[in-house]
Amino acid sequence: MPSPTRFFRRALGLILIIVVGLLVWGDKLLIATDPVPQHVDAVVALQGSVLGERVRIAGAMNYLRRGIADRGLLSVPQESFWGESIPPIARSYLQRNYGADLAARVEFCETSADVNSTVQEAQELLSCIRQHHWQSVMVVTSEYHTRRARFLWRRVIKSDPAIHVWVESVADPEFERPFWRHRQSAKIWVLEFSKLLWAAFEG
């Protein structure tokens, strides 16, 4: 039987290995993207922080410009904090940054005010996807959000096996590498990893 000292050293060594492993490869626990399909009916940009959503929209518009997606779908709240309708503002933003022709190929899915999770957003977006009769969809989100988004989206679309979903990542300026050297990135990692564990155990 090992002595308490030897057991303590082994436990400490194991903890150190785990900690070093998380520091070196921890970001990869959050990232999981699918191979880019040759063609989909629509590309969807998920909601996020101001900076995060800008790069998600840019990523989605890039797939639209390249002809990989026929249509774009932006997830937006029904109204802003000041009570303004979001789609007209978003349409103007797209026209200004990507041109009128590309902006005209984008639809908006307005989510209700009580949507505050990836699952709820996926459920409401799935309703919009069905309305357009799309059967192949590419979801674009920040890279640190991809593994959880893919896991949850696949759970949601089980109710409609005719719809196929791919999840693609974009680099988010708020998630810098190595994540543990940046306060905001470390905060994002802890929160996202906790959400990933919760989603796995909840399911």
N, C-alpha and C. Protein backbone atom coordinates (compact mmCIF):
# COMPACT_ATOMS: atom_id res chain seq x y z
N MET A 1 0.85 -1.20 0.00
CA MET A 1 0.00 0.00 0.00
C MET A 1 0.89 1.25 0.00
N PRO A 2 0.68 2.18 -0.96
CA PRO A 2 1.53 3.37 -1.02
C PRO A 2 1.38 4.24 0.21
N SER A 3 2.46 4.88 0.59
CA SER A 3 2.43 5.77 1.74
C SER A 3 1.65 7.03 1.40
N PRO A 4 1.13 7.75 2.42
CA PRO A 4 0.40 9.00 2.16
C PRO A 4 1.24 10.02 1.38
N THR A 5 2.54 10.06 1.67
CA THR A 5 3.41 11.01 0.96
C THR A 5 3.51 10.69 -0.51
N ARG A 6 3.69 9.39 -0.82
CA ARG A 6 3.79 8.98 -2.22
C ARG A 6 2.46 9.23 -2.94
N PHE A 7 1.36 8.95 -2.26
CA PHE A 7 0.04 9.19 -2.86
C PHE A 7 -0.15 10.67 -3.16
N PHE A 8 0.27 11.52 -2.21
CA PHE A 8 0.13 12.96 -2.38
C PHE A 8 0.96 13.44 -3.57
N ARG A 9 2.18 12.92 -3.70
CA ARG A 9 3.05 13.33 -4.81
C ARG A 9 2.46 12.91 -6.15
N ARG A 10 1.90 11.70 -6.18
CA ARG A 10 1.29 11.23 -7.43
C ARG A 10 0.08 12.09 -7.79
N ALA A 11 -0.73 12.40 -6.78
CA ALA A 11 -1.91 13.22 -7.03
C ALA A 11 -1.52 14.60 -7.52
N LEU A 12 -0.49 15.19 -6.87
CA LEU A 12 -0.01 16.51 -7.27
C LEU A 12 0.55 16.48 -8.68
N GLY A 13 1.27 15.42 -9.01
CA GLY A 13 1.82 15.28 -10.36
C GLY A 13 0.73 15.18 -11.41
N LEU A 14 -0.32 14.42 -11.08
CA LEU A 14 -1.44 14.28 -12.00
C LEU A 14 -2.16 15.62 -12.21
N ILE A 15 -2.33 16.36 -11.11
CA ILE A 15 -2.97 17.67 -11.20
C ILE A 15 -2.14 18.62 -12.07
N LEU A 16 -0.82 18.59 -11.90
CA LEU A 16 0.05 19.45 -12.69
C LEU A 16 -0.03 19.10 -14.17
N ILE A 17 -0.09 17.81 -14.48
CA ILE A 17 -0.20 17.37 -15.87
C ILE A 17 -1.50 17.87 -16.48
N ILE A 18 -2.59 17.76 -15.72
CA ILE A 18 -3.89 18.22 -16.20
C ILE A 18 -3.89 19.72 -16.45
N VAL A 19 -3.31 20.47 -15.48
CA VAL A 19 -3.26 21.93 -15.61
C VAL A 19 -2.44 22.34 -16.82
N VAL A 20 -1.26 21.74 -16.99
CA VAL A 20 -0.42 22.07 -18.15
C VAL A 20 -1.13 21.70 -19.45
N GLY A 21 -1.79 20.55 -19.44
CA GLY A 21 -2.54 20.13 -20.63
C GLY A 21 -3.63 21.11 -21.00
N LEU A 22 -4.34 21.63 -19.99
CA LEU A 22 -5.39 22.60 -20.25
C LEU A 22 -4.82 23.91 -20.77
N LEU A 23 -3.68 24.32 -20.24
CA LEU A 23 -3.07 25.57 -20.69
C LEU A 23 -2.59 25.46 -22.13
N VAL A 24 -2.08 24.29 -22.51
CA VAL A 24 -1.52 24.12 -23.85
C VAL A 24 -2.60 23.79 -24.88
N TRP A 25 -3.51 22.88 -24.52
CA TRP A 25 -4.50 22.40 -25.49
C TRP A 25 -5.94 22.75 -25.11
N GLY A 26 -6.13 23.56 -24.08
CA GLY A 26 -7.48 23.84 -23.60
C GLY A 26 -8.40 24.45 -24.62
N ASP A 27 -7.86 25.33 -25.48
CA ASP A 27 -8.72 25.98 -26.47
C ASP A 27 -9.29 24.97 -27.46
N LYS A 28 -8.54 23.89 -27.71
CA LYS A 28 -9.00 22.88 -28.67
C LYS A 28 -10.19 22.10 -28.13
N LEU A 29 -10.39 22.11 -26.83
CA LEU A 29 -11.57 21.45 -26.26
C LEU A 29 -12.86 22.13 -26.69
N LEU A 30 -12.76 23.42 -27.01
CA LEU A 30 -13.94 24.20 -27.35
C LEU A 30 -14.22 24.25 -28.85
N ILE A 31 -13.22 23.87 -29.66
CA ILE A 31 -13.31 24.08 -31.10
C ILE A 31 -13.56 22.77 -31.83
N ALA A 32 -14.61 22.75 -32.64
CA ALA A 32 -14.93 21.58 -33.47
C ALA A 32 -15.70 22.06 -34.69
N THR A 33 -15.05 22.05 -35.84
CA THR A 33 -15.73 22.50 -37.06
C THR A 33 -15.86 21.34 -38.03
N ASP A 34 -16.82 21.47 -38.92
CA ASP A 34 -17.06 20.45 -39.94
C ASP A 34 -16.32 20.84 -41.22
N PRO A 35 -16.02 19.84 -42.07
CA PRO A 35 -15.47 20.19 -43.40
C PRO A 35 -16.46 21.08 -44.14
N VAL A 36 -15.95 22.08 -44.83
CA VAL A 36 -16.83 23.02 -45.54
C VAL A 36 -17.53 22.28 -46.68
N PRO A 37 -18.86 22.29 -46.70
CA PRO A 37 -19.58 21.61 -47.79
C PRO A 37 -19.41 22.35 -49.11
N GLN A 38 -19.63 21.65 -50.21
CA GLN A 38 -19.52 22.29 -51.52
C GLN A 38 -20.64 23.30 -51.74
N HIS A 39 -21.81 22.99 -51.20
CA HIS A 39 -22.94 23.88 -51.41
C HIS A 39 -24.01 23.64 -50.35
N VAL A 40 -24.63 24.73 -49.88
CA VAL A 40 -25.75 24.64 -48.94
C VAL A 40 -26.85 25.61 -49.38
N ASP A 41 -28.04 25.37 -48.88
CA ASP A 41 -29.14 26.28 -49.21
C ASP A 41 -28.96 27.64 -48.54
N ALA A 42 -28.43 27.63 -47.31
CA ALA A 42 -28.30 28.90 -46.58
C ALA A 42 -27.16 28.84 -45.58
N VAL A 43 -26.61 30.02 -45.30
CA VAL A 43 -25.60 30.16 -44.25
C VAL A 43 -26.20 31.05 -43.17
N VAL A 44 -26.03 30.63 -41.91
CA VAL A 44 -26.65 31.30 -40.77
C VAL A 44 -25.58 31.88 -39.85
N ALA A 45 -25.71 33.14 -39.50
CA ALA A 45 -24.80 33.77 -38.54
C ALA A 45 -25.52 33.91 -37.20
N LEU A 46 -24.93 33.33 -36.15
CA LEU A 46 -25.55 33.38 -34.83
C LEU A 46 -25.29 34.71 -34.15
N GLN A 47 -26.13 35.03 -33.18
CA GLN A 47 -25.95 36.25 -32.39
C GLN A 47 -24.74 36.09 -31.46
N GLY A 48 -24.16 37.23 -31.09
CA GLY A 48 -23.02 37.23 -30.17
C GLY A 48 -22.77 38.62 -29.66
N SER A 49 -21.60 38.82 -29.09
CA SER A 49 -21.21 40.17 -28.66
C SER A 49 -21.07 41.05 -29.89
N VAL A 50 -20.88 42.34 -29.70
CA VAL A 50 -20.77 43.26 -30.83
C VAL A 50 -19.61 42.86 -31.74
N LEU A 51 -18.43 42.65 -31.18
CA LEU A 51 -17.27 42.26 -31.98
C LEU A 51 -17.45 40.86 -32.56
N GLY A 52 -17.97 39.95 -31.72
CA GLY A 52 -18.16 38.59 -32.17
C GLY A 52 -19.14 38.48 -33.32
N GLU A 53 -20.23 39.22 -33.23
CA GLU A 53 -21.24 39.13 -34.28
C GLU A 53 -20.74 39.74 -35.58
N ARG A 54 -19.90 40.75 -35.50
CA ARG A 54 -19.36 41.34 -36.72
C ARG A 54 -18.54 40.32 -37.50
N VAL A 55 -17.69 39.56 -36.81
CA VAL A 55 -16.88 38.58 -37.53
C VAL A 55 -17.73 37.39 -37.97
N ARG A 56 -18.78 37.06 -37.22
CA ARG A 56 -19.67 35.98 -37.64
C ARG A 56 -20.41 36.37 -38.92
N ILE A 57 -20.89 37.61 -38.97
CA ILE A 57 -21.56 38.09 -40.17
C ILE A 57 -20.59 38.13 -41.34
N ALA A 58 -19.37 38.60 -41.10
CA ALA A 58 -18.36 38.66 -42.16
C ALA A 58 -18.07 37.26 -42.70
N GLY A 59 -17.98 36.28 -41.80
CA GLY A 59 -17.75 34.90 -42.23
C GLY A 59 -18.90 34.37 -43.06
N ALA A 60 -20.13 34.64 -42.63
CA ALA A 60 -21.30 34.18 -43.36
C ALA A 60 -21.38 34.85 -44.74
N MET A 61 -21.10 36.13 -44.80
CA MET A 61 -21.16 36.85 -46.07
C MET A 61 -20.07 36.36 -47.03
N ASN A 62 -18.95 35.92 -46.48
CA ASN A 62 -17.88 35.38 -47.31
C ASN A 62 -18.34 34.09 -48.01
N TYR A 63 -19.02 33.22 -47.26
CA TYR A 63 -19.54 31.99 -47.87
C TYR A 63 -20.61 32.31 -48.91
N LEU A 64 -21.38 33.36 -48.66
CA LEU A 64 -22.41 33.78 -49.60
C LEU A 64 -21.76 34.32 -50.88
N ARG A 65 -20.73 35.12 -50.72
CA ARG A 65 -20.03 35.72 -51.86
C ARG A 65 -19.37 34.64 -52.71
N ARG A 66 -18.84 33.61 -52.06
CA ARG A 66 -18.14 32.53 -52.78
C ARG A 66 -19.10 31.57 -53.47
N GLY A 67 -20.39 31.72 -53.23
CA GLY A 67 -21.36 30.86 -53.87
C GLY A 67 -21.56 29.53 -53.19
N ILE A 68 -20.98 29.34 -52.00
CA ILE A 68 -21.17 28.10 -51.25
C ILE A 68 -22.60 28.05 -50.70
N ALA A 69 -23.15 29.21 -50.38
CA ALA A 69 -24.54 29.29 -49.90
C ALA A 69 -25.36 30.14 -50.87
N ASP A 70 -26.61 29.74 -51.08
CA ASP A 70 -27.50 30.51 -51.95
C ASP A 70 -28.05 31.74 -51.23
N ARG A 71 -28.39 31.55 -49.96
CA ARG A 71 -29.02 32.62 -49.17
C ARG A 71 -28.31 32.76 -47.83
N GLY A 72 -28.48 33.92 -47.22
CA GLY A 72 -27.96 34.15 -45.88
C GLY A 72 -29.11 34.33 -44.91
N LEU A 73 -28.88 33.97 -43.66
CA LEU A 73 -29.89 34.16 -42.61
C LEU A 73 -29.19 34.70 -41.37
N LEU A 74 -29.61 35.88 -40.93
CA LEU A 74 -29.03 36.48 -39.74
C LEU A 74 -30.01 36.37 -38.59
N SER A 75 -29.52 35.87 -37.47
CA SER A 75 -30.31 35.81 -36.25
C SER A 75 -30.21 37.16 -35.56
N VAL A 76 -31.37 37.82 -35.36
CA VAL A 76 -31.37 39.15 -34.74
C VAL A 76 -32.50 39.24 -33.72
N PRO A 77 -32.33 40.05 -32.68
CA PRO A 77 -33.44 40.28 -31.74
C PRO A 77 -34.57 41.03 -32.44
N GLN A 78 -35.76 40.95 -31.89
CA GLN A 78 -36.90 41.64 -32.50
C GLN A 78 -36.75 43.16 -32.45
N GLU A 79 -36.13 43.64 -31.39
CA GLU A 79 -35.93 45.09 -31.28
C GLU A 79 -34.71 45.39 -30.45
N SER A 80 -34.19 46.60 -30.63
CA SER A 80 -33.01 47.04 -29.89
C SER A 80 -33.40 47.44 -28.48
N PHE A 81 -32.39 47.79 -27.70
CA PHE A 81 -32.62 48.25 -26.32
C PHE A 81 -33.54 49.47 -26.30
N TRP A 82 -33.48 50.28 -27.36
CA TRP A 82 -34.27 51.52 -27.43
C TRP A 82 -35.61 51.31 -28.14
N GLY A 83 -35.97 50.07 -28.42
CA GLY A 83 -37.26 49.78 -29.02
C GLY A 83 -37.31 49.89 -30.53
N GLU A 84 -36.14 49.99 -31.19
CA GLU A 84 -36.11 50.08 -32.64
C GLU A 84 -36.12 48.69 -33.26
N SER A 85 -36.74 48.56 -34.44
CA SER A 85 -36.74 47.30 -35.17
C SER A 85 -35.34 47.05 -35.72
N ILE A 86 -34.81 45.85 -35.53
CA ILE A 86 -33.43 45.54 -35.91
C ILE A 86 -33.24 45.30 -37.42
N PRO A 87 -34.12 44.56 -38.10
CA PRO A 87 -33.87 44.26 -39.52
C PRO A 87 -33.54 45.45 -40.41
N PRO A 88 -34.26 46.60 -40.33
CA PRO A 88 -33.88 47.72 -41.20
C PRO A 88 -32.46 48.24 -40.91
N ILE A 89 -32.09 48.23 -39.65
CA ILE A 89 -30.72 48.67 -39.28
C ILE A 89 -29.70 47.68 -39.82
N ALA A 90 -30.01 46.39 -39.65
CA ALA A 90 -29.09 45.35 -40.13
C ALA A 90 -28.97 45.38 -41.65
N ARG A 91 -30.09 45.60 -42.34
CA ARG A 91 -30.07 45.66 -43.80
C ARG A 91 -29.18 46.80 -44.28
N SER A 92 -29.29 47.95 -43.62
CA SER A 92 -28.45 49.10 -43.97
C SER A 92 -26.98 48.79 -43.75
N TYR A 93 -26.68 48.10 -42.65
CA TYR A 93 -25.29 47.71 -42.33
C TYR A 93 -24.74 46.79 -43.43
N LEU A 94 -25.53 45.82 -43.85
CA LEU A 94 -25.08 44.88 -44.88
C LEU A 94 -24.85 45.58 -46.21
N GLN A 95 -25.75 46.48 -46.58
CA GLN A 95 -25.61 47.21 -47.84
C GLN A 95 -24.36 48.08 -47.84
N ARG A 96 -24.12 48.71 -46.70
CA ARG A 96 -22.98 49.61 -46.58
C ARG A 96 -21.66 48.85 -46.63
N ASN A 97 -21.62 47.66 -46.04
CA ASN A 97 -20.36 46.92 -45.92
C ASN A 97 -20.16 45.84 -46.98
N TYR A 98 -21.25 45.34 -47.57
CA TYR A 98 -21.11 44.22 -48.51
C TYR A 98 -21.78 44.45 -49.85
N GLY A 99 -22.43 45.60 -50.02
CA GLY A 99 -23.05 45.92 -51.30
C GLY A 99 -24.51 45.48 -51.34
N ALA A 100 -25.28 46.17 -52.18
CA ALA A 100 -26.72 45.93 -52.24
C ALA A 100 -27.05 44.55 -52.77
N ASP A 101 -26.29 44.05 -53.76
CA ASP A 101 -26.60 42.75 -54.36
C ASP A 101 -26.46 41.61 -53.36
N LEU A 102 -25.37 41.64 -52.60
CA LEU A 102 -25.15 40.57 -51.61
C LEU A 102 -26.14 40.71 -50.45
N ALA A 103 -26.39 41.95 -50.03
CA ALA A 103 -27.32 42.18 -48.92
C ALA A 103 -28.73 41.71 -49.26
N ALA A 104 -29.10 41.79 -50.55
CA ALA A 104 -30.44 41.38 -50.97
C ALA A 104 -30.65 39.88 -50.84
N ARG A 105 -29.57 39.13 -50.70
CA ARG A 105 -29.69 37.67 -50.58
C ARG A 105 -29.77 37.21 -49.13
N VAL A 106 -29.90 38.17 -48.21
CA VAL A 106 -29.93 37.85 -46.78
C VAL A 106 -31.34 38.03 -46.22
N GLU A 107 -31.78 37.03 -45.46
CA GLU A 107 -33.04 37.09 -44.73
C GLU A 107 -32.74 37.30 -43.24
N PHE A 108 -33.77 37.68 -42.48
CA PHE A 108 -33.59 37.88 -41.05
C PHE A 108 -34.55 36.99 -40.27
N CYS A 109 -34.04 36.40 -39.22
CA CYS A 109 -34.87 35.61 -38.31
C CYS A 109 -34.89 36.35 -36.98
N GLU A 110 -36.03 36.92 -36.66
CA GLU A 110 -36.16 37.70 -35.44
C GLU A 110 -36.49 36.79 -34.26
N THR A 111 -35.60 36.78 -33.28
CA THR A 111 -35.80 35.92 -32.11
C THR A 111 -36.50 36.71 -31.00
N SER A 112 -37.26 36.01 -30.19
CA SER A 112 -38.03 36.66 -29.12
C SER A 112 -37.11 37.14 -28.01
N ALA A 113 -37.64 38.00 -27.17
CA ALA A 113 -36.84 38.64 -26.11
C ALA A 113 -36.36 37.65 -25.06
N ASP A 114 -37.04 36.52 -24.92
CA ASP A 114 -36.65 35.57 -23.87
C ASP A 114 -35.60 34.56 -24.34
N VAL A 115 -35.10 34.71 -25.56
CA VAL A 115 -34.03 33.83 -26.04
C VAL A 115 -32.71 34.23 -25.39
N ASN A 116 -32.13 33.34 -24.61
CA ASN A 116 -30.86 33.65 -23.94
C ASN A 116 -29.92 32.46 -23.89
N SER A 117 -30.09 31.52 -24.82
CA SER A 117 -29.19 30.36 -24.87
C SER A 117 -29.05 29.89 -26.30
N THR A 118 -28.02 29.11 -26.55
CA THR A 118 -27.78 28.56 -27.89
C THR A 118 -28.92 27.64 -28.31
N VAL A 119 -29.44 26.86 -27.37
CA VAL A 119 -30.55 25.94 -27.69
C VAL A 119 -31.79 26.72 -28.10
N GLN A 120 -32.14 27.74 -27.35
CA GLN A 120 -33.33 28.53 -27.68
C GLN A 120 -33.17 29.23 -29.02
N GLU A 121 -31.97 29.75 -29.28
CA GLU A 121 -31.73 30.41 -30.57
C GLU A 121 -31.84 29.39 -31.71
N ALA A 122 -31.28 28.20 -31.52
CA ALA A 122 -31.36 27.15 -32.54
C ALA A 122 -32.80 26.76 -32.81
N GLN A 123 -33.61 26.66 -31.77
CA GLN A 123 -35.01 26.28 -31.93
C GLN A 123 -35.78 27.32 -32.75
N GLU A 124 -35.54 28.60 -32.47
CA GLU A 124 -36.23 29.64 -33.23
C GLU A 124 -35.70 29.75 -34.65
N LEU A 125 -34.40 29.56 -34.82
CA LEU A 125 -33.83 29.58 -36.16
C LEU A 125 -34.33 28.40 -36.99
N LEU A 126 -34.50 27.25 -36.34
CA LEU A 126 -35.01 26.09 -37.04
C LEU A 126 -36.40 26.36 -37.61
N SER A 127 -37.20 27.10 -36.86
CA SER A 127 -38.52 27.48 -37.35
C SER A 127 -38.42 28.34 -38.60
N CYS A 128 -37.48 29.30 -38.61
CA CYS A 128 -37.27 30.15 -39.79
C CYS A 128 -36.75 29.33 -40.96
N ILE A 129 -35.84 28.39 -40.68
CA ILE A 129 -35.29 27.53 -41.73
C ILE A 129 -36.39 26.71 -42.38
N ARG A 130 -37.29 26.19 -41.58
CA ARG A 130 -38.42 25.42 -42.12
C ARG A 130 -39.32 26.28 -42.98
N GLN A 131 -39.54 27.52 -42.57
CA GLN A 131 -40.40 28.42 -43.35
C GLN A 131 -39.86 28.64 -44.75
N HIS A 132 -38.52 28.64 -44.88
CA HIS A 132 -37.90 28.83 -46.19
C HIS A 132 -37.69 27.51 -46.93
N HIS A 133 -38.02 26.41 -46.30
CA HIS A 133 -37.88 25.07 -46.90
C HIS A 133 -36.43 24.74 -47.24
N TRP A 134 -35.51 25.25 -46.45
CA TRP A 134 -34.10 24.92 -46.65
C TRP A 134 -33.80 23.57 -46.01
N GLN A 135 -32.97 22.79 -46.66
CA GLN A 135 -32.63 21.46 -46.14
C GLN A 135 -31.15 21.29 -45.82
N SER A 136 -30.33 22.23 -46.26
CA SER A 136 -28.90 22.18 -45.93
C SER A 136 -28.48 23.57 -45.46
N VAL A 137 -27.91 23.62 -44.27
CA VAL A 137 -27.61 24.91 -43.63
C VAL A 137 -26.21 24.87 -43.01
N MET A 138 -25.47 25.95 -43.19
CA MET A 138 -24.17 26.12 -42.55
C MET A 138 -24.31 27.17 -41.45
N VAL A 139 -23.96 26.82 -40.23
CA VAL A 139 -24.03 27.73 -39.10
C VAL A 139 -22.64 28.30 -38.83
N VAL A 140 -22.52 29.61 -38.79
CA VAL A 140 -21.25 30.28 -38.55
C VAL A 140 -21.26 30.91 -37.16
N THR A 141 -20.23 30.60 -36.39
CA THR A 141 -20.12 31.16 -35.05
C THR A 141 -18.65 31.31 -34.66
N SER A 142 -18.39 31.93 -33.53
CA SER A 142 -17.01 32.11 -33.06
C SER A 142 -16.39 30.75 -32.78
N GLU A 143 -15.08 30.62 -33.04
CA GLU A 143 -14.44 29.31 -32.94
C GLU A 143 -14.57 28.69 -31.55
N TYR A 144 -14.51 29.50 -30.48
CA TYR A 144 -14.60 28.93 -29.14
C TYR A 144 -16.01 28.40 -28.84
N HIS A 145 -16.96 28.75 -29.68
CA HIS A 145 -18.36 28.35 -29.47
C HIS A 145 -18.77 27.16 -30.34
N THR A 146 -17.87 26.71 -31.22
CA THR A 146 -18.25 25.73 -32.24
C THR A 146 -18.61 24.36 -31.69
N ARG A 147 -17.82 23.83 -30.75
CA ARG A 147 -18.12 22.48 -30.26
C ARG A 147 -19.48 22.42 -29.59
N ARG A 148 -19.77 23.38 -28.75
CA ARG A 148 -21.06 23.39 -28.05
C ARG A 148 -22.20 23.66 -29.03
N ALA A 149 -21.97 24.60 -29.96
CA ALA A 149 -23.01 24.91 -30.95
C ALA A 149 -23.33 23.69 -31.80
N ARG A 150 -22.30 22.98 -32.24
CA ARG A 150 -22.54 21.79 -33.06
C ARG A 150 -23.29 20.72 -32.28
N PHE A 151 -22.88 20.51 -31.04
CA PHE A 151 -23.53 19.52 -30.17
C PHE A 151 -25.01 19.85 -29.99
N LEU A 152 -25.32 21.11 -29.70
CA LEU A 152 -26.69 21.52 -29.41
C LEU A 152 -27.55 21.59 -30.68
N TRP A 153 -26.97 22.06 -31.77
CA TRP A 153 -27.73 22.11 -33.02
C TRP A 153 -28.11 20.71 -33.48
N ARG A 154 -27.20 19.77 -33.36
CA ARG A 154 -27.52 18.40 -33.78
C ARG A 154 -28.59 17.80 -32.88
N ARG A 155 -28.61 18.19 -31.64
CA ARG A 155 -29.67 17.73 -30.75
C ARG A 155 -31.02 18.32 -31.17
N VAL A 156 -31.02 19.62 -31.51
CA VAL A 156 -32.27 20.29 -31.88
C VAL A 156 -32.84 19.73 -33.19
N ILE A 157 -31.98 19.50 -34.20
CA ILE A 157 -32.50 19.08 -35.51
C ILE A 157 -32.84 17.60 -35.57
N LYS A 158 -32.66 16.87 -34.48
CA LYS A 158 -33.10 15.47 -34.47
C LYS A 158 -34.59 15.36 -34.78
N SER A 159 -35.32 16.42 -34.46
CA SER A 159 -36.76 16.42 -34.71
C SER A 159 -37.08 16.58 -36.20
N ASP A 160 -36.07 16.94 -37.00
CA ASP A 160 -36.29 17.12 -38.43
C ASP A 160 -35.09 16.56 -39.20
N PRO A 161 -35.05 15.25 -39.40
CA PRO A 161 -33.89 14.62 -40.04
C PRO A 161 -33.66 15.03 -41.49
N ALA A 162 -34.63 15.73 -42.10
CA ALA A 162 -34.46 16.17 -43.48
C ALA A 162 -33.50 17.36 -43.58
N ILE A 163 -33.24 18.02 -42.46
CA ILE A 163 -32.36 19.18 -42.46
C ILE A 163 -30.95 18.76 -42.03
N HIS A 164 -29.96 19.16 -42.80
CA HIS A 164 -28.57 18.85 -42.50
C HIS A 164 -27.84 20.15 -42.13
N VAL A 165 -27.05 20.07 -41.07
CA VAL A 165 -26.37 21.27 -40.54
C VAL A 165 -24.87 21.04 -40.45
N TRP A 166 -24.11 22.02 -40.91
CA TRP A 166 -22.66 22.06 -40.72
C TRP A 166 -22.35 23.27 -39.86
N VAL A 167 -21.35 23.17 -38.99
CA VAL A 167 -20.93 24.29 -38.15
C VAL A 167 -19.52 24.71 -38.54
N GLU A 168 -19.36 25.99 -38.85
CA GLU A 168 -18.06 26.54 -39.25
C GLU A 168 -17.65 27.67 -38.31
N SER A 169 -16.35 27.83 -38.15
CA SER A 169 -15.84 28.81 -37.19
C SER A 169 -15.26 30.04 -37.86
N VAL A 170 -15.27 31.13 -37.11
CA VAL A 170 -14.53 32.33 -37.48
C VAL A 170 -13.70 32.75 -36.27
N ALA A 171 -12.53 33.31 -36.53
CA ALA A 171 -11.68 33.79 -35.44
C ALA A 171 -12.33 34.99 -34.78
N ASP A 172 -12.48 34.92 -33.47
CA ASP A 172 -13.12 36.00 -32.71
C ASP A 172 -12.04 36.84 -32.04
N PRO A 173 -12.03 38.15 -32.27
CA PRO A 173 -10.98 39.00 -31.68
C PRO A 173 -11.01 39.02 -30.16
N GLU A 174 -12.11 38.61 -29.55
CA GLU A 174 -12.18 38.59 -28.09
C GLU A 174 -11.57 37.34 -27.48
N PHE A 175 -11.22 36.36 -28.33
CA PHE A 175 -10.63 35.11 -27.83
C PHE A 175 -9.22 34.99 -28.40
N GLU A 176 -8.26 35.54 -27.64
CA GLU A 176 -6.86 35.57 -28.09
C GLU A 176 -6.12 34.33 -27.61
N ARG A 177 -5.01 34.03 -28.26
CA ARG A 177 -4.17 32.88 -27.91
C ARG A 177 -2.81 33.34 -27.39
N PRO A 178 -2.22 32.64 -26.44
CA PRO A 178 -2.86 31.61 -25.62
C PRO A 178 -3.91 32.23 -24.70
N PHE A 179 -5.02 31.55 -24.55
CA PHE A 179 -6.17 32.15 -23.86
C PHE A 179 -5.86 32.52 -22.42
N TRP A 180 -4.97 31.77 -21.76
CA TRP A 180 -4.71 31.99 -20.34
C TRP A 180 -3.84 33.22 -20.08
N ARG A 181 -3.33 33.84 -21.13
CA ARG A 181 -2.52 35.05 -20.95
C ARG A 181 -3.34 36.32 -21.13
N HIS A 182 -4.61 36.17 -21.45
CA HIS A 182 -5.48 37.32 -21.68
C HIS A 182 -6.72 37.19 -20.82
N ARG A 183 -6.98 38.19 -20.03
CA ARG A 183 -8.08 38.13 -19.05
C ARG A 183 -9.42 37.81 -19.70
N GLN A 184 -9.76 38.54 -20.78
CA GLN A 184 -11.05 38.32 -21.44
C GLN A 184 -11.13 36.91 -22.04
N SER A 185 -10.05 36.47 -22.65
CA SER A 185 -10.03 35.14 -23.25
C SER A 185 -10.16 34.05 -22.20
N ALA A 186 -9.48 34.22 -21.07
CA ALA A 186 -9.57 33.23 -19.99
C ALA A 186 -10.99 33.18 -19.43
N LYS A 187 -11.61 34.33 -19.32
CA LYS A 187 -12.99 34.40 -18.84
C LYS A 187 -13.93 33.68 -19.80
N ILE A 188 -13.73 33.91 -21.10
CA ILE A 188 -14.55 33.24 -22.11
C ILE A 188 -14.34 31.73 -22.03
N TRP A 189 -13.09 31.30 -21.88
CA TRP A 189 -12.80 29.85 -21.84
C TRP A 189 -13.51 29.19 -20.66
N VAL A 190 -13.38 29.77 -19.48
CA VAL A 190 -14.00 29.18 -18.29
C VAL A 190 -15.51 29.10 -18.46
N LEU A 191 -16.11 30.18 -18.95
CA LEU A 191 -17.57 30.21 -19.11
C LEU A 191 -18.02 29.21 -20.17
N GLU A 192 -17.32 29.19 -21.30
CA GLU A 192 -17.72 28.30 -22.40
C GLU A 192 -17.49 26.83 -22.04
N PHE A 193 -16.40 26.54 -21.36
CA PHE A 193 -16.13 25.16 -20.95
C PHE A 193 -17.19 24.68 -19.96
N SER A 194 -17.58 25.56 -19.05
CA SER A 194 -18.63 25.21 -18.09
C SER A 194 -19.95 24.93 -18.81
N LYS A 195 -20.27 25.75 -19.80
CA LYS A 195 -21.50 25.57 -20.58
C LYS A 195 -21.44 24.28 -21.38
N LEU A 196 -20.27 23.94 -21.89
CA LEU A 196 -20.11 22.71 -22.65
C LEU A 196 -20.34 21.49 -21.76
N LEU A 197 -19.78 21.51 -20.56
CA LEU A 197 -20.00 20.42 -19.61
C LEU A 197 -21.47 20.31 -19.23
N TRP A 198 -22.09 21.45 -19.00
CA TRP A 198 -23.50 21.46 -18.61
C TRP A 198 -24.35 20.88 -19.73
N ALA A 199 -24.05 21.28 -20.98
CA ALA A 199 -24.81 20.77 -22.13
C ALA A 199 -24.65 19.26 -22.26
N ALA A 200 -23.43 18.77 -22.04
CA ALA A 200 -23.18 17.33 -22.16
C ALA A 200 -23.92 16.53 -21.08
N PHE A 201 -23.85 16.99 -19.86
CA PHE A 201 -24.50 16.26 -18.76
C PHE A 201 -26.02 16.43 -18.81
N GLU A 202 -26.46 17.61 -19.25
CA GLU A 202 -27.89 17.86 -19.35
C GLU A 202 -28.54 16.93 -20.39
N GLY A 203 -27.76 16.68 -21.48
CA GLY A 203 -28.28 15.82 -22.54
C GLY A 203 -28.20 14.36 -22.21
